[in-house]
N, C-alpha and C. Protein backbone atom coordinates (compact mmCIF):
# COMPACT_ATOMS: atom_id res chain seq x y z
N VAL A 1 172.80 133.27 95.58
CA VAL A 1 174.24 132.64 96.16
C VAL A 1 173.53 131.71 96.41
N LEU A 2 173.13 131.25 97.53
CA LEU A 2 172.25 129.38 97.96
C LEU A 2 172.38 128.88 97.06
N GLU A 3 171.68 130.30 95.63
CA GLU A 3 171.07 128.96 94.87
C GLU A 3 171.66 128.07 93.85
N ARG A 4 172.39 129.16 93.60
CA ARG A 4 173.76 128.64 92.49
C ARG A 4 174.66 127.91 93.17
N ILE A 5 175.08 127.99 94.58
CA ILE A 5 175.85 126.80 95.56
C ILE A 5 175.15 125.76 95.11
N HIS A 6 173.72 125.79 95.48
CA HIS A 6 172.64 123.92 95.58
C HIS A 6 173.05 124.34 93.87
N ALA A 7 172.99 124.34 93.42
CA ALA A 7 172.46 124.14 92.00
C ALA A 7 174.13 123.82 91.25
N ARG A 8 175.49 124.17 92.16
CA ARG A 8 176.62 122.80 91.88
C ARG A 8 176.96 121.80 92.54
N MET A 9 176.42 121.73 93.88
CA MET A 9 176.25 120.65 94.53
C MET A 9 175.59 119.11 93.79
N LYS A 10 174.22 119.79 93.08
CA LYS A 10 173.57 119.28 93.10
C LYS A 10 173.77 117.41 92.98
N ASN A 11 175.32 117.92 91.38
CA ASN A 11 175.22 116.79 90.84
C ASN A 11 177.13 116.03 91.30
N SER A 12 177.23 116.74 92.25
CA SER A 12 178.57 116.29 92.84
C SER A 12 178.70 115.13 93.80
N GLY A 13 177.72 113.71 93.87
CA GLY A 13 177.66 112.78 94.28
C GLY A 13 177.77 112.85 96.01
N LYS A 14 177.59 114.32 96.22
CA LYS A 14 177.98 114.34 98.44
C LYS A 14 176.87 114.70 98.93
N GLU A 15 176.43 113.72 98.93
CA GLU A 15 174.69 114.58 98.65
C GLU A 15 174.60 115.20 100.79
N GLU A 16 175.05 113.91 101.31
CA GLU A 16 175.18 114.48 102.69
C GLU A 16 175.66 115.66 104.05
N PHE A 17 177.09 115.71 102.65
CA PHE A 17 178.05 116.32 102.66
C PHE A 17 177.33 117.88 102.63
N ASN A 18 176.88 118.11 101.62
CA ASN A 18 176.34 118.80 100.83
C ASN A 18 174.92 119.57 101.80
N LYS A 19 173.97 118.60 102.26
CA LYS A 19 173.40 119.30 103.19
C LYS A 19 173.48 119.67 104.09
N GLY A 20 174.97 119.37 104.52
CA GLY A 20 175.67 119.54 106.41
C GLY A 20 176.17 121.07 105.96
N TYR A 21 176.75 121.61 104.66
CA TYR A 21 177.03 122.60 103.99
C TYR A 21 175.71 123.44 103.79
N LEU A 22 175.17 123.27 103.28
CA LEU A 22 174.15 124.23 102.87
C LEU A 22 172.67 124.81 103.79
N ASP A 23 173.15 123.95 104.90
CA ASP A 23 172.32 123.94 106.70
C ASP A 23 173.54 125.19 107.17
N ALA A 24 174.32 125.31 107.54
CA ALA A 24 175.30 125.90 107.82
C ALA A 24 175.05 127.38 107.43
N LEU A 25 175.46 127.28 106.16
CA LEU A 25 175.00 128.25 105.54
C LEU A 25 174.04 129.53 106.03
N ASN A 26 172.40 128.45 105.79
CA ASN A 26 171.20 128.76 105.57
C ASN A 26 171.64 128.95 107.45
N GLY A 27 171.69 128.30 107.96
CA GLY A 27 172.16 129.35 109.88
C GLY A 27 172.21 130.20 109.69
N ILE A 28 173.49 130.50 109.31
CA ILE A 28 174.57 131.99 109.54
C ILE A 28 173.77 132.78 109.20
N ILE A 29 172.02 132.61 107.91
CA ILE A 29 172.32 133.82 107.00
C ILE A 29 171.01 134.27 108.52
N LEU A 30 170.04 133.00 108.70
CA LEU A 30 169.38 133.33 109.96
C LEU A 30 169.93 134.03 110.87
N SER A 31 170.88 133.69 111.85
CA SER A 31 171.20 134.31 112.22
C SER A 31 171.44 135.63 112.07
N VAL A 32 172.06 136.15 110.79
CA VAL A 32 172.48 137.20 110.73
C VAL A 32 171.02 137.92 110.88
N ARG A 33 170.64 137.55 109.82
CA ARG A 33 169.04 137.96 110.28
C ARG A 33 167.67 138.72 111.17
N SER A 34 168.75 137.87 112.53
CA SER A 34 167.24 137.25 113.61
C SER A 34 167.77 138.84 114.08
N SER A 35 166.80 138.73 114.89
CA SER A 35 166.61 139.89 116.35
C SER A 35 167.89 139.02 117.10
N GLY A 36 168.91 137.77 117.17
CA GLY A 36 170.05 138.17 117.42
C GLY A 36 169.61 137.86 119.25
N GLY A 37 168.72 136.64 119.52
CA GLY A 37 168.77 136.16 120.76
C GLY A 37 170.00 135.84 121.22
N SER A 38 170.35 135.29 122.53
CA SER A 38 171.06 135.25 123.45
C SER A 38 172.64 133.76 122.66
N TYR A 39 171.57 132.40 122.38
CA TYR A 39 171.79 131.04 121.78
C TYR A 39 172.42 131.43 120.49
N GLU A 40 172.58 132.51 119.75
CA GLU A 40 172.85 132.25 118.69
C GLU A 40 173.81 132.54 118.25
N PHE A 41 175.29 131.75 118.09
CA PHE A 41 175.98 132.19 118.27
C PHE A 41 176.24 133.29 117.42
N PHE A 42 176.42 133.28 115.54
CA PHE A 42 176.78 134.05 115.10
C PHE A 42 176.54 135.66 115.04
N SER A 43 174.96 135.62 115.83
CA SER A 43 174.80 136.80 115.74
C SER A 43 175.18 137.49 116.54
N ASN A 44 176.02 136.52 117.84
CA ASN A 44 177.04 137.68 119.03
C ASN A 44 178.38 137.46 118.52
N LEU A 45 178.21 137.11 118.04
CA LEU A 45 180.57 137.58 117.37
C LEU A 45 180.62 138.37 117.18
N ASP A 46 181.90 139.00 117.62
CA ASP A 46 182.22 140.15 117.31
C ASP A 46 183.06 139.91 115.94
N LEU A 47 183.16 140.70 115.37
CA LEU A 47 183.77 140.21 113.99
C LEU A 47 184.66 141.39 113.53
N THR A 48 185.66 141.74 114.90
CA THR A 48 186.66 142.48 114.91
C THR A 48 187.93 141.86 115.81
N ASP A 49 186.98 141.36 116.89
CA ASP A 49 187.58 140.46 117.51
C ASP A 49 188.61 139.01 117.02
N VAL A 50 189.83 139.32 116.23
CA VAL A 50 190.24 138.71 115.71
C VAL A 50 191.23 137.25 115.89
N PRO A 51 191.58 137.66 117.47
CA PRO A 51 192.13 136.53 117.82
C PRO A 51 190.99 135.59 118.42
N SER A 52 189.38 136.08 119.07
CA SER A 52 188.57 135.31 118.81
C SER A 52 187.67 134.19 117.85
N LEU A 53 188.14 135.27 116.06
CA LEU A 53 187.58 134.47 114.89
C LEU A 53 188.48 133.70 114.63
N LYS A 54 190.24 133.91 115.61
CA LYS A 54 190.76 133.23 114.70
C LYS A 54 190.60 131.71 115.70
N LYS A 55 189.93 131.36 116.66
CA LYS A 55 190.18 130.46 117.60
C LYS A 55 189.05 130.00 116.87
N HIS A 56 188.09 130.50 117.00
CA HIS A 56 186.45 129.50 116.42
C HIS A 56 187.21 129.09 115.09
N TYR A 57 188.19 128.68 114.12
CA TYR A 57 188.77 129.08 112.90
C TYR A 57 188.84 127.45 112.69
N GLU A 58 189.99 127.37 113.87
CA GLU A 58 190.72 127.27 113.53
C GLU A 58 190.17 125.44 114.38
N ASP A 59 188.74 125.95 116.21
CA ASP A 59 187.95 124.33 115.99
C ASP A 59 187.19 124.14 114.81
N PHE A 60 186.67 125.07 114.01
CA PHE A 60 185.71 124.69 112.86
C PHE A 60 186.28 123.51 112.32
N LYS A 61 187.20 124.47 111.57
CA LYS A 61 188.58 123.24 110.74
C LYS A 61 188.70 122.04 111.66
N LYS A 62 189.47 121.74 112.45
CA LYS A 62 189.31 121.30 113.89
C LYS A 62 188.50 120.09 113.04
N ASN A 63 187.22 119.77 113.36
CA ASN A 63 185.85 119.79 113.10
C ASN A 63 185.62 119.18 111.91
N ALA A 64 185.79 119.71 110.86
CA ALA A 64 185.36 119.11 109.61
C ALA A 64 186.74 118.21 109.00
N ARG A 65 187.88 118.32 109.28
CA ARG A 65 188.25 117.15 109.36
C ARG A 65 189.36 116.39 109.79
N ASN A 66 188.03 116.05 111.02
CA ASN A 66 187.60 114.98 112.27
C ASN A 66 187.48 113.76 111.24
N ARG A 67 187.93 113.01 110.77
CA ARG A 67 186.83 111.69 109.53
C ARG A 67 186.49 110.76 110.61
N PHE A 68 186.47 111.32 112.26
CA PHE A 68 185.70 110.54 112.66
C PHE A 68 184.08 111.04 112.44
N GLN A 69 184.01 112.36 112.34
CA GLN A 69 182.87 112.81 112.11
C GLN A 69 181.59 112.41 110.69
N ALA A 70 180.61 112.30 110.71
CA ALA A 70 179.48 111.92 109.93
C ALA A 70 179.99 112.98 108.87
N ASP A 71 179.44 112.77 107.53
CA ASP A 71 179.35 113.45 106.23
C ASP A 71 178.72 115.17 106.38
N TYR A 72 177.89 114.97 106.61
CA TYR A 72 176.40 115.71 107.69
C TYR A 72 177.62 116.89 107.92
N ASP A 73 177.88 116.26 109.36
CA ASP A 73 178.43 116.97 109.46
C ASP A 73 180.34 117.89 109.67
N ILE A 74 181.37 117.08 108.70
CA ILE A 74 182.08 117.62 108.05
C ILE A 74 181.88 118.85 107.20
N GLY A 75 180.66 118.50 106.22
CA GLY A 75 179.75 119.81 105.62
C GLY A 75 179.88 120.61 105.91
N TYR A 76 179.17 120.82 107.30
CA TYR A 76 178.39 121.70 108.43
C TYR A 76 179.71 122.20 109.07
N PHE A 77 181.24 122.14 109.31
CA PHE A 77 181.90 122.58 109.42
C PHE A 77 182.78 122.91 108.81
N SER A 78 182.73 121.95 107.25
CA SER A 78 183.19 122.91 106.58
C SER A 78 182.94 124.37 105.84
N ALA A 79 181.40 124.52 106.61
CA ALA A 79 180.85 125.88 106.01
C ALA A 79 181.09 127.01 107.04
N LEU A 80 180.60 126.68 108.50
CA LEU A 80 181.69 127.26 109.16
C LEU A 80 183.07 128.10 109.13
N THR A 81 183.79 127.28 108.25
CA THR A 81 184.86 127.18 108.58
C THR A 81 185.12 128.23 107.16
N ASP A 82 184.96 127.72 106.10
CA ASP A 82 184.98 128.85 104.76
C ASP A 82 184.70 130.74 104.95
N PHE A 83 182.92 130.37 106.12
CA PHE A 83 182.32 131.66 106.53
C PHE A 83 183.71 132.19 107.25
N LEU A 84 184.41 131.57 108.30
CA LEU A 84 185.35 132.06 109.19
C LEU A 84 186.30 132.91 108.36
N ARG A 85 186.81 132.14 107.11
CA ARG A 85 187.85 132.26 106.18
C ARG A 85 187.43 133.57 105.76
N VAL A 86 187.07 133.70 105.65
CA VAL A 86 186.28 135.49 104.41
C VAL A 86 186.13 135.90 105.65
N ILE A 87 185.74 135.86 106.21
CA ILE A 87 185.62 137.42 107.99
C ILE A 87 186.84 137.61 108.15
N LEU A 88 188.28 136.69 108.24
CA LEU A 88 188.97 137.11 108.91
C LEU A 88 190.11 138.04 108.12
N LYS A 89 189.80 137.17 106.84
CA LYS A 89 190.62 137.80 104.72
C LYS A 89 189.89 139.39 105.47
N THR A 90 188.62 139.17 105.68
CA THR A 90 187.97 140.61 105.04
C THR A 90 188.09 141.59 106.32
N VAL A 91 188.63 141.55 107.51
CA VAL A 91 188.87 141.90 108.37
C VAL A 91 190.26 142.84 108.29
N SER A 92 190.87 141.66 108.32
CA SER A 92 192.43 142.10 107.82
C SER A 92 193.21 143.17 105.71
N ARG A 93 192.51 142.93 105.27
CA ARG A 93 192.50 143.81 104.01
C ARG A 93 191.41 144.58 105.05
N THR A 94 190.59 144.57 105.62
CA THR A 94 189.54 146.47 105.97
C THR A 94 190.47 146.77 107.14
N LYS A 95 191.46 146.32 107.87
CA LYS A 95 192.64 146.64 108.86
C LYS A 95 194.11 147.41 107.76
N GLY A 96 193.68 146.58 106.87
CA GLY A 96 195.60 147.03 106.23
C GLY A 96 194.77 148.67 105.45
N GLU A 97 193.96 148.30 104.99
CA GLU A 97 193.43 149.87 104.27
C GLU A 97 193.56 150.85 105.36
N ASP A 98 192.86 150.88 106.21
CA ASP A 98 192.54 151.34 107.63
C ASP A 98 193.91 152.41 107.66
N GLN A 99 195.44 151.53 108.16
CA GLN A 99 196.44 151.42 108.25
C GLN A 99 197.33 152.58 107.11
N ALA A 100 196.81 152.28 105.73
CA ALA A 100 197.82 152.90 104.52
C ALA A 100 196.49 154.06 104.69
N ASN A 101 195.38 154.53 104.73
CA ASN A 101 194.99 155.81 104.86
C ASN A 101 195.41 157.07 105.57
N ARG A 102 195.84 156.28 106.62
CA ARG A 102 196.48 156.72 107.97
C ARG A 102 197.84 157.78 107.83
């Protein structure tokens, strides 16, 4: 998946943004695959704690939209925002399916 994203970004002209975005995605993947030390944000994130997920999502989104951030940082926070948006949609969908099956 990262290879496809990288190929699409290669010709976009947003080199620093793309580098930040890809570095964040790589970091998420490495964090999830690792043994989960206490310093790793995503390996310690409770993916069922919706209020906490929403808070982190809003924080990352705020940083991604901050025009005073460097392009790399905007790309990095954009990837974190996208990741949490997908997690929140998945959790909401799963909860909806669980309630429908009761």
